[in-house]
Amino acid sequence: MSLHPVIERVTTRIAERSRDLRDDYLSRMEALRTRNPARARLSCGNLAHGFAAAGADKPLLRGARGGNIGIVTAYNDMLSAHQPMEHYPALIRAAARNAGGAAQVAGGVPAMCDGVTQGRDGMELSLFSRDTIALATAVSLSHDMFDAALLLGVCDKIVPGLLIGALSFGHLPVLFVPAGPMPSGLPNKEKAAVRQRYAEGKASREELLEAEAKSYHGPGTCTFYGTANSNQMLLEVMGLMMPGAAFVNPGTPLRDALTVAATEQALKVTALGEHYTPL
């Protein structure tokens, strides 16, 4: 399939302008690649610290076989889209063990909801938070214990921040693991009608709050095509998420199955095997 001429020209121009920087980046990523588990490069003291709290995964992590997944999580209770991720690490650890590997939470990153802070002072931090998230992601993965990474986050500035940070470790396979959308709530027309009546002084604050609470009513991404949902679509298109993972509701067997599948896939494509697929 041929590109649109304008897209082709712009793409070519970007490639030419960034060639030297990209070549340098690719060289650095290739130098970081290893056929042995990343943790094998650590001194005994470093490695002992790395698996000190790993429990059942200690035997694998102290050995020279089996991949280890670093989990970077943006879980908190402020974002409905991230709340389901509270229990993901346990599911991922179990899936990794079953697949002959291990998984550790490498670190957490901040995540703010524009829906909560809109019109408030906190909104001033929204764009800045992306850089903080990128830095926190890089700090998390800097332990050099990992052969792949799973990034738990879907909203707004969080996905770009996670991706930017992970690109500093572009030699690793990286997959995003989403939460999926909350089920549909109050239809938009009905919500808009209540808002209109409130603006006209014909509905109380309690009526307005009830309508809003029926619209945004449970765990999962918000029920409109905002950046949480468009991020998930984009990640699927980029091949950074399991196919079909974007729009499966939280708390369902299929949602858990997709999280398990992402874990298994991450271990299949490490540099330890024959299907190495770095970020």
C-alpha atoms as a PDB file:
ATOM      1  CA  MET A   1       0.000   0.000   0.000  1.00  0.00           C
ATOM      2  CA  SER A   2       1.471   3.353  -1.054  1.00  0.00           C
ATOM      3  CA  LEU A   3       1.630   6.319   1.302  1.00  0.00           C
ATOM      4  CA  HIS A   4      -0.098   9.604   0.622  1.00  0.00           C
ATOM      5  CA  PRO A   5       2.527  11.867  -1.035  1.00  0.00           C
ATOM      6  CA  VAL A   6       2.445  14.421   1.785  1.00  0.00           C
ATOM      7  CA  ILE A   7       2.832  11.748   4.462  1.00  0.00           C
ATOM      8  CA  GLU A   8       5.668  10.182   2.475  1.00  0.00           C
ATOM      9  CA  ARG A   9       7.499  13.525   2.161  1.00  0.00           C
ATOM     10  CA  VAL A  10       7.105  14.334   5.841  1.00  0.00           C
ATOM     11  CA  THR A  11       8.201  10.832   6.874  1.00  0.00           C
ATOM     12  CA  THR A  12      11.265  11.003   4.637  1.00  0.00           C
ATOM     13  CA  ARG A  13      12.179  14.434   5.989  1.00  0.00           C
ATOM     14  CA  ILE A  14      11.888  13.258   9.593  1.00  0.00           C
ATOM     15  CA  ALA A  15      13.990  10.155   8.838  1.00  0.00           C
ATOM     16  CA  GLU A  16      16.736  12.236   7.218  1.00  0.00           C
ATOM     17  CA  ARG A  17      16.770  14.820   9.981  1.00  0.00           C
ATOM     18  CA  SER A  18      16.969  12.226  12.742  1.00  0.00           C
ATOM     19  CA  ARG A  19      19.259   9.695  11.061  1.00  0.00           C
ATOM     20  CA  ASP A  20      22.368  10.387  13.155  1.00  0.00           C
ATOM     21  CA  LEU A  21      20.486  10.487  16.445  1.00  0.00           C
ATOM     22  CA  ARG A  22      18.547   7.349  15.567  1.00  0.00           C
ATOM     23  CA  ASP A  23      21.675   5.457  14.535  1.00  0.00           C
ATOM     24  CA  ASP A  24      23.271   6.400  17.855  1.00  0.00           C
ATOM     25  CA  TYR A  25      20.150   5.281  19.738  1.00  0.00           C
ATOM     26  CA  LEU A  26      19.987   1.938  17.925  1.00  0.00           C
ATOM     27  CA  SER A  27      23.683   1.325  18.612  1.00  0.00           C
ATOM     28  CA  ARG A  28      23.156   1.948  22.316  1.00  0.00           C
ATOM     29  CA  MET A  29      20.148  -0.370  22.407  1.00  0.00           C
ATOM     30  CA  GLU A  30      22.062  -3.137  20.615  1.00  0.00           C
ATOM     31  CA  ALA A  31      24.894  -2.796  23.130  1.00  0.00           C
ATOM     32  CA  LEU A  32      22.424  -3.345  25.967  1.00  0.00           C
ATOM     33  CA  ARG A  33      21.027  -6.515  24.436  1.00  0.00           C
ATOM     34  CA  THR A  34      22.229  -9.747  26.007  1.00  0.00           C
ATOM     35  CA  ARG A  35      21.581 -13.412  25.323  1.00  0.00           C
ATOM     36  CA  ASN A  36      21.697 -14.091  29.061  1.00  0.00           C
ATOM     37  CA  PRO A  37      19.187 -12.817  31.627  1.00  0.00           C
ATOM     38  CA  ALA A  38      19.901  -9.172  32.388  1.00  0.00           C
ATOM     39  CA  ARG A  39      20.373  -9.963  36.064  1.00  0.00           C
ATOM     40  CA  ALA A  40      23.380 -12.159  35.211  1.00  0.00           C
ATOM     41  CA  ARG A  41      25.391  -8.950  34.747  1.00  0.00           C
ATOM     42  CA  LEU A  42      24.847  -7.928  38.361  1.00  0.00           C
ATOM     43  CA  SER A  43      27.293  -8.581  41.169  1.00  0.00           C
ATOM     44  CA  CYS A  44      26.176 -11.071  43.796  1.00  0.00           C
ATOM     45  CA  GLY A  45      25.410  -8.259  46.230  1.00  0.00           C
ATOM     46  CA  ASN A  46      23.355  -6.370  43.650  1.00  0.00           C
ATOM     47  CA  LEU A  47      21.457  -9.487  42.654  1.00  0.00           C
ATOM     48  CA  ALA A  48      20.751 -10.515  46.248  1.00  0.00           C
ATOM     49  CA  HIS A  49      19.178  -7.104  46.867  1.00  0.00           C
ATOM     50  CA  GLY A  50      17.162  -7.528  43.679  1.00  0.00           C
ATOM     51  CA  PHE A  51      15.465 -10.763  44.691  1.00  0.00           C
ATOM     52  CA  ALA A  52      15.499 -10.342  48.492  1.00  0.00           C
ATOM     53  CA  ALA A  53      11.712  -9.904  48.652  1.00  0.00           C
ATOM     54  CA  ALA A  54      10.845 -12.139  45.687  1.00  0.00           C
ATOM     55  CA  GLY A  55       9.512 -15.052  47.740  1.00  0.00           C
ATOM     56  CA  ALA A  56       8.678 -18.029  45.534  1.00  0.00           C
ATOM     57  CA  ASP A  57      10.544 -16.463  42.605  1.00  0.00           C
ATOM     58  CA  LYS A  58      13.919 -16.437  44.384  1.00  0.00           C
ATOM     59  CA  PRO A  59      15.175 -19.755  42.952  1.00  0.00           C
ATOM     60  CA  LEU A  60      14.548 -18.623  39.379  1.00  0.00           C
ATOM     61  CA  LEU A  61      15.950 -15.134  39.882  1.00  0.00           C
ATOM     62  CA  ARG A  62      19.179 -16.360  41.431  1.00  0.00           C
ATOM     63  CA  GLY A  63      19.711 -18.723  38.507  1.00  0.00           C
ATOM     64  CA  ALA A  64      20.822 -17.989  34.954  1.00  0.00           C
ATOM     65  CA  ARG A  65      17.685 -19.126  33.155  1.00  0.00           C
ATOM     66  CA  GLY A  66      14.204 -17.754  32.758  1.00  0.00           C
ATOM     67  CA  GLY A  67      13.094 -14.242  31.894  1.00  0.00           C
ATOM     68  CA  ASN A  68      12.084 -11.630  34.442  1.00  0.00           C
ATOM     69  CA  ILE A  69       9.402  -9.045  33.674  1.00  0.00           C
ATOM     70  CA  GLY A  70       9.561  -5.564  35.159  1.00  0.00           C
ATOM     71  CA  ILE A  71       6.101  -4.166  35.898  1.00  0.00           C
ATOM     72  CA  VAL A  72       5.700  -0.387  35.871  1.00  0.00           C
ATOM     73  CA  THR A  73       2.314   0.535  37.249  1.00  0.00           C
ATOM     74  CA  ALA A  74       0.267   3.716  37.171  1.00  0.00           C
ATOM     75  CA  TYR A  75      -2.349   2.240  39.493  1.00  0.00           C
ATOM     76  CA  ASN A  76      -4.289   4.527  41.809  1.00  0.00           C
ATOM     77  CA  ASP A  77      -7.893   4.992  42.902  1.00  0.00           C
ATOM     78  CA  MET A  78      -8.302   8.444  41.338  1.00  0.00           C
ATOM     79  CA  LEU A  79      -8.471   7.149  37.786  1.00  0.00           C
ATOM     80  CA  SER A  80     -11.347   4.796  37.128  1.00  0.00           C
ATOM     81  CA  ALA A  81      -9.345   3.484  34.154  1.00  0.00           C
ATOM     82  CA  HIS A  82      -6.436   2.511  36.407  1.00  0.00           C
ATOM     83  CA  GLN A  83      -8.279   1.228  39.482  1.00  0.00           C
ATOM     84  CA  PRO A  84      -8.609  -2.338  38.095  1.00  0.00           C
ATOM     85  CA  MET A  85      -4.804  -2.512  37.893  1.00  0.00           C
ATOM     86  CA  GLU A  86      -4.601  -2.845  41.677  1.00  0.00           C
ATOM     87  CA  HIS A  87      -4.659  -6.627  41.321  1.00  0.00           C
ATOM     88  CA  TYR A  88      -2.728  -6.977  38.052  1.00  0.00           C
ATOM     89  CA  PRO A  89       0.728  -7.605  39.584  1.00  0.00           C
ATOM     90  CA  ALA A  90      -0.445 -10.761  41.387  1.00  0.00           C
ATOM     91  CA  LEU A  91      -2.072 -12.051  38.196  1.00  0.00           C
ATOM     92  CA  ILE A  92       1.033 -11.248  36.160  1.00  0.00           C
ATOM     93  CA  ARG A  93       3.359 -12.922  38.670  1.00  0.00           C
ATOM     94  CA  ALA A  94       1.296 -16.112  38.599  1.00  0.00           C
ATOM     95  CA  ALA A  95       1.158 -16.109  34.800  1.00  0.00           C
ATOM     96  CA  ALA A  96       4.915 -15.538  34.561  1.00  0.00           C
ATOM     97  CA  ARG A  97       5.625 -18.459  36.896  1.00  0.00           C
ATOM     98  CA  ASN A  98       3.389 -20.723  34.847  1.00  0.00           C
ATOM     99  CA  ALA A  99       5.322 -19.679  31.744  1.00  0.00           C
ATOM    100  CA  GLY A 100       8.703 -20.406  33.310  1.00  0.00           C
ATOM    101  CA  GLY A 101       9.593 -16.836  34.222  1.00  0.00           C
ATOM    102  CA  ALA A 102       9.143 -14.279  36.959  1.00  0.00           C
ATOM    103  CA  ALA A 103       7.726 -10.789  37.345  1.00  0.00           C
ATOM    104  CA  GLN A 104       8.464  -7.976  39.780  1.00  0.00           C
ATOM    105  CA  VAL A 105       6.908  -4.566  40.259  1.00  0.00           C
ATOM    106  CA  ALA A 106       9.794  -2.370  39.169  1.00  0.00           C
ATOM    107  CA  GLY A 107       8.127   0.844  40.264  1.00  0.00           C
ATOM    108  CA  GLY A 108       5.093   3.079  40.229  1.00  0.00           C
ATOM    109  CA  VAL A 109       4.442   6.316  38.387  1.00  0.00           C
ATOM    110  CA  PRO A 110       2.045   9.160  39.208  1.00  0.00           C
ATOM    111  CA  ALA A 111      -1.175   9.431  37.254  1.00  0.00           C
ATOM    112  CA  MET A 112      -3.681  12.250  37.406  1.00  0.00           C
ATOM    113  CA  CYS A 113      -7.213  12.397  36.054  1.00  0.00           C
ATOM    114  CA  ASP A 114      -8.072  15.479  34.021  1.00  0.00           C
ATOM    115  CA  GLY A 115     -11.709  14.684  34.725  1.00  0.00           C
ATOM    116  CA  VAL A 116     -11.108  15.328  38.428  1.00  0.00           C
ATOM    117  CA  THR A 117      -8.788  18.336  38.101  1.00  0.00           C
ATOM    118  CA  GLN A 118     -10.464  20.109  35.166  1.00  0.00           C
ATOM    119  CA  GLY A 119     -10.982  23.761  36.043  1.00  0.00           C
ATOM    120  CA  ARG A 120      -8.950  23.360  39.244  1.00  0.00           C
ATOM    121  CA  ASP A 121      -5.378  24.330  40.101  1.00  0.00           C
ATOM    122  CA  GLY A 122      -4.291  20.718  39.714  1.00  0.00           C
ATOM    123  CA  MET A 123      -4.950  20.932  35.982  1.00  0.00           C
ATOM    124  CA  GLU A 124      -1.841  23.102  35.682  1.00  0.00           C
ATOM    125  CA  LEU A 125       0.230  20.000  36.420  1.00  0.00           C
ATOM    126  CA  SER A 126      -1.332  17.827  33.747  1.00  0.00           C
ATOM    127  CA  LEU A 127       1.122  18.378  30.902  1.00  0.00           C
ATOM    128  CA  PHE A 128       4.092  18.554  33.262  1.00  0.00           C
ATOM    129  CA  SER A 129       3.146  15.178  34.711  1.00  0.00           C
ATOM    130  CA  ARG A 130       4.094  13.448  31.460  1.00  0.00           C
ATOM    131  CA  ASP A 131       7.770  14.257  32.002  1.00  0.00           C
ATOM    132  CA  THR A 132       7.596  13.072  35.607  1.00  0.00           C
ATOM    133  CA  ILE A 133       5.997   9.810  34.466  1.00  0.00           C
ATOM    134  CA  ALA A 134       8.713   9.312  31.838  1.00  0.00           C
ATOM    135  CA  LEU A 135      11.420   9.881  34.439  1.00  0.00           C
ATOM    136  CA  ALA A 136       9.731   7.557  36.949  1.00  0.00           C
ATOM    137  CA  THR A 137       9.453   4.844  34.289  1.00  0.00           C
ATOM    138  CA  ALA A 138      13.151   5.095  33.471  1.00  0.00           C
ATOM    139  CA  VAL A 139      14.051   5.032  37.166  1.00  0.00           C
ATOM    140  CA  SER A 140      11.900   1.917  37.621  1.00  0.00           C
ATOM    141  CA  LEU A 141      13.588   0.015  34.791  1.00  0.00           C
ATOM    142  CA  SER A 142      17.095   1.168  35.724  1.00  0.00           C
ATOM    143  CA  HIS A 143      17.529  -1.735  38.171  1.00  0.00           C
ATOM    144  CA  ASP A 144      18.772  -3.823  35.213  1.00  0.00           C
ATOM    145  CA  MET A 145      16.972  -6.918  36.504  1.00  0.00           C
ATOM    146  CA  PHE A 146      14.559  -7.243  33.618  1.00  0.00           C
ATOM    147  CA  ASP A 147      14.297  -9.011  30.268  1.00  0.00           C
ATOM    148  CA  ALA A 148      10.925  -7.470  29.349  1.00  0.00           C
ATOM    149  CA  ALA A 149       8.532  -4.876  30.710  1.00  0.00           C
ATOM    150  CA  LEU A 150       4.780  -4.583  31.136  1.00  0.00           C
ATOM    151  CA  LEU A 151       3.414  -1.062  31.476  1.00  0.00           C
ATOM    152  CA  LEU A 152       0.130  -0.654  33.339  1.00  0.00           C
ATOM    153  CA  GLY A 153      -1.539   2.571  32.248  1.00  0.00           C
ATOM    154  CA  VAL A 154      -3.946   3.884  29.624  1.00  0.00           C
ATOM    155  CA  CYS A 155      -4.964   7.479  30.335  1.00  0.00           C
ATOM    156  CA  ASP A 156      -4.071  10.800  28.775  1.00  0.00           C
ATOM    157  CA  LYS A 157      -0.494  11.864  29.650  1.00  0.00           C
ATOM    158  CA  ILE A 158       0.296   8.522  31.276  1.00  0.00           C
ATOM    159  CA  VAL A 159       0.702   6.473  28.088  1.00  0.00           C
ATOM    160  CA  PRO A 160       3.098   8.940  26.405  1.00  0.00           C
ATOM    161  CA  GLY A 161       5.084   9.248  29.636  1.00  0.00           C
ATOM    162  CA  LEU A 162       5.373   5.486  30.068  1.00  0.00           C
ATOM    163  CA  LEU A 163       6.410   5.048  26.436  1.00  0.00           C
ATOM    164  CA  ILE A 164       8.989   7.845  26.511  1.00  0.00           C
ATOM    165  CA  GLY A 165      10.534   6.389  29.658  1.00  0.00           C
ATOM    166  CA  ALA A 166      10.522   2.840  28.301  1.00  0.00           C
ATOM    167  CA  LEU A 167      12.312   3.936  25.130  1.00  0.00           C
ATOM    168  CA  SER A 168      15.426   4.495  27.243  1.00  0.00           C
ATOM    169  CA  PHE A 169      15.306   0.706  27.544  1.00  0.00           C
ATOM    170  CA  GLY A 170      14.276   0.056  23.964  1.00  0.00           C
ATOM    171  CA  HIS A 171      16.287  -3.171  23.875  1.00  0.00           C
ATOM    172  CA  LEU A 172      13.568  -4.741  26.024  1.00  0.00           C
ATOM    173  CA  PRO A 173      10.289  -6.137  24.730  1.00  0.00           C
ATOM    174  CA  VAL A 174       7.547  -3.875  26.101  1.00  0.00           C
ATOM    175  CA  LEU A 175       3.794  -4.354  26.192  1.00  0.00           C
ATOM    176  CA  PHE A 176       1.058  -2.154  27.614  1.00  0.00           C
ATOM    177  CA  VAL A 177      -1.632  -3.851  29.681  1.00  0.00           C
ATOM    178  CA  PRO A 178      -4.933  -1.917  29.747  1.00  0.00           C
ATOM    179  CA  ALA A 179      -7.989  -2.109  31.987  1.00  0.00           C
ATOM    180  CA  GLY A 180     -10.674  -1.695  29.328  1.00  0.00           C
ATOM    181  CA  PRO A 181     -13.778   0.527  29.412  1.00  0.00           C
ATOM    182  CA  MET A 182     -16.435   0.760  32.088  1.00  0.00           C
ATOM    183  CA  PRO A 183     -19.846  -0.433  30.831  1.00  0.00           C
ATOM    184  CA  SER A 184     -22.076   2.216  29.273  1.00  0.00           C
ATOM    185  CA  GLY A 185     -23.984   4.353  31.739  1.00  0.00           C
ATOM    186  CA  LEU A 186     -26.390   7.257  31.338  1.00  0.00           C
ATOM    187  CA  PRO A 187     -26.714   8.144  27.623  1.00  0.00           C
ATOM    188  CA  ASN A 188     -25.055  11.406  26.579  1.00  0.00           C
ATOM    189  CA  LYS A 189     -28.330  13.015  25.526  1.00  0.00           C
ATOM    190  CA  GLU A 190     -29.846  12.444  28.956  1.00  0.00           C
ATOM    191  CA  LYS A 191     -26.724  13.726  30.703  1.00  0.00           C
ATOM    192  CA  ALA A 192     -26.652  16.809  28.471  1.00  0.00           C
ATOM    193  CA  ALA A 193     -30.318  17.487  29.230  1.00  0.00           C
ATOM    194  CA  VAL A 194     -29.676  17.489  32.984  1.00  0.00           C
ATOM    195  CA  ARG A 195     -26.677  19.790  32.519  1.00  0.00           C
ATOM    196  CA  GLN A 196     -28.807  22.162  30.484  1.00  0.00           C
ATOM    197  CA  ARG A 197     -31.545  22.218  33.122  1.00  0.00           C
ATOM    198  CA  TYR A 198     -28.944  22.842  35.824  1.00  0.00           C
ATOM    199  CA  ALA A 199     -27.489  25.758  33.847  1.00  0.00           C
ATOM    200  CA  GLU A 200     -30.996  27.203  33.602  1.00  0.00           C
ATOM    201  CA  GLY A 201     -31.552  26.831  37.337  1.00  0.00           C
ATOM    202  CA  LYS A 202     -34.184  24.126  36.817  1.00  0.00           C
ATOM    203  CA  ALA A 203     -32.221  21.221  38.336  1.00  0.00           C
ATOM    204  CA  SER A 204     -30.487  20.967  41.708  1.00  0.00           C
ATOM    205  CA  ARG A 205     -26.823  20.174  42.309  1.00  0.00           C
ATOM    206  CA  GLU A 206     -27.904  16.786  43.665  1.00  0.00           C
ATOM    207  CA  GLU A 207     -29.751  16.023  40.417  1.00  0.00           C
ATOM    208  CA  LEU A 208     -26.700  17.039  38.400  1.00  0.00           C
ATOM    209  CA  LEU A 209     -24.379  14.949  40.556  1.00  0.00           C
ATOM    210  CA  GLU A 210     -26.696  11.958  40.216  1.00  0.00           C
ATOM    211  CA  ALA A 211     -26.594  12.257  36.419  1.00  0.00           C
ATOM    212  CA  GLU A 212     -22.805  12.575  36.362  1.00  0.00           C
ATOM    213  CA  ALA A 213     -22.441   9.610  38.732  1.00  0.00           C
ATOM    214  CA  LYS A 214     -24.588   7.486  36.421  1.00  0.00           C
ATOM    215  CA  SER A 215     -22.363   8.456  33.489  1.00  0.00           C
ATOM    216  CA  TYR A 216     -19.050   7.728  35.227  1.00  0.00           C
ATOM    217  CA  HIS A 217     -20.170   4.894  37.425  1.00  0.00           C
ATOM    218  CA  GLY A 218     -17.523   2.204  37.799  1.00  0.00           C
ATOM    219  CA  PRO A 219     -13.996   0.960  37.110  1.00  0.00           C
ATOM    220  CA  GLY A 220     -12.633   1.302  33.577  1.00  0.00           C
ATOM    221  CA  THR A 221     -11.964   3.992  31.018  1.00  0.00           C
ATOM    222  CA  CYS A 222     -14.562   6.741  30.675  1.00  0.00           C
ATOM    223  CA  THR A 223     -17.459   6.011  28.340  1.00  0.00           C
ATOM    224  CA  PHE A 224     -16.532   8.396  25.536  1.00  0.00           C
ATOM    225  CA  TYR A 225     -13.733   8.591  22.984  1.00  0.00           C
ATOM    226  CA  GLY A 226     -11.361  10.607  25.119  1.00  0.00           C
ATOM    227  CA  THR A 227      -7.640  10.042  25.275  1.00  0.00           C
ATOM    228  CA  ALA A 228      -7.898   6.933  27.462  1.00  0.00           C
ATOM    229  CA  ASN A 229      -9.792   5.058  24.763  1.00  0.00           C
ATOM    230  CA  SER A 230      -7.941   6.594  21.822  1.00  0.00           C
ATOM    231  CA  ASN A 231      -4.635   5.736  23.548  1.00  0.00           C
ATOM    232  CA  GLN A 232      -5.698   2.104  23.759  1.00  0.00           C
ATOM    233  CA  MET A 233      -6.638   2.061  20.072  1.00  0.00           C
ATOM    234  CA  LEU A 234      -3.300   3.647  19.137  1.00  0.00           C
ATOM    235  CA  LEU A 235      -1.329   1.142  21.208  1.00  0.00           C
ATOM    236  CA  GLU A 236      -3.061  -1.739  19.431  1.00  0.00           C
ATOM    237  CA  VAL A 237      -2.246  -0.184  16.045  1.00  0.00           C
ATOM    238  CA  MET A 238       1.395   0.223  17.115  1.00  0.00           C
ATOM    239  CA  GLY A 239       1.583  -3.423  18.155  1.00  0.00           C
ATOM    240  CA  LEU A 240       2.279  -2.485  21.773  1.00  0.00           C
ATOM    241  CA  MET A 241      -0.810  -4.165  23.186  1.00  0.00           C
ATOM    242  CA  MET A 242      -2.408  -7.567  22.685  1.00  0.00           C
ATOM    243  CA  PRO A 243      -4.820  -7.535  19.704  1.00  0.00           C
ATOM    244  CA  GLY A 244      -8.391  -6.939  20.820  1.00  0.00           C
ATOM    245  CA  ALA A 245      -7.365  -5.888  24.325  1.00  0.00           C
ATOM    246  CA  ALA A 246      -8.633  -2.308  24.198  1.00  0.00           C
ATOM    247  CA  PHE A 247     -12.366  -2.664  24.669  1.00  0.00           C
ATOM    248  CA  VAL A 248     -12.906  -5.620  26.994  1.00  0.00           C
ATOM    249  CA  ASN A 249     -14.598  -4.596  30.250  1.00  0.00           C
ATOM    250  CA  PRO A 250     -12.737  -4.834  33.576  1.00  0.00           C
ATOM    251  CA  GLY A 251     -13.454  -7.687  35.939  1.00  0.00           C
ATOM    252  CA  THR A 252     -14.319 -10.216  33.235  1.00  0.00           C
ATOM    253  CA  PRO A 253     -12.664 -13.580  32.496  1.00  0.00           C
ATOM    254  CA  LEU A 254     -11.579 -12.344  29.064  1.00  0.00           C
ATOM    255  CA  ARG A 255      -9.954  -9.265  30.607  1.00  0.00           C
ATOM    256  CA  ASP A 256      -7.870 -11.483  32.888  1.00  0.00           C
ATOM    257  CA  ALA A 257      -7.084 -13.850  30.006  1.00  0.00           C
ATOM    258  CA  LEU A 258      -5.707 -10.947  27.963  1.00  0.00           C
ATOM    259  CA  THR A 259      -3.502  -9.870  30.862  1.00  0.00           C
ATOM    260  CA  VAL A 260      -2.182 -13.423  31.168  1.00  0.00           C
ATOM    261  CA  ALA A 261      -1.608 -13.524  27.395  1.00  0.00           C
ATOM    262  CA  ALA A 262       0.376 -10.267  27.535  1.00  0.00           C
ATOM    263  CA  THR A 263       2.587 -11.767  30.235  1.00  0.00           C
ATOM    264  CA  GLU A 264       3.199 -14.926  28.236  1.00  0.00           C
ATOM    265  CA  GLN A 265       3.908 -12.950  25.072  1.00  0.00           C
ATOM    266  CA  ALA A 266       6.412 -10.704  26.837  1.00  0.00           C
ATOM    267  CA  LEU A 267       8.380 -13.763  27.955  1.00  0.00           C
ATOM    268  CA  LYS A 268       8.245 -15.326  24.482  1.00  0.00           C
ATOM    269  CA  VAL A 269       9.905 -12.354  22.775  1.00  0.00           C
ATOM    270  CA  THR A 270      12.836 -11.651  25.101  1.00  0.00           C
ATOM    271  CA  ALA A 271      16.423 -11.803  23.857  1.00  0.00           C
ATOM    272  CA  LEU A 272      16.686 -15.165  25.630  1.00  0.00           C
ATOM    273  CA  GLY A 273      14.656 -16.877  22.908  1.00  0.00           C
ATOM    274  CA  GLU A 274      14.357 -17.111  19.143  1.00  0.00           C
ATOM    275  CA  HIS A 275      11.629 -14.502  18.688  1.00  0.00           C
ATOM    276  CA  TYR A 276      13.328 -11.432  20.128  1.00  0.00           C
ATOM    277  CA  THR A 277      11.169  -8.351  19.562  1.00  0.00           C
ATOM    278  CA  PRO A 278      12.501  -5.226  21.286  1.00  0.00           C
ATOM    279  CA  LEU A 279      10.440  -2.097  21.736  1.00  0.00           C
END
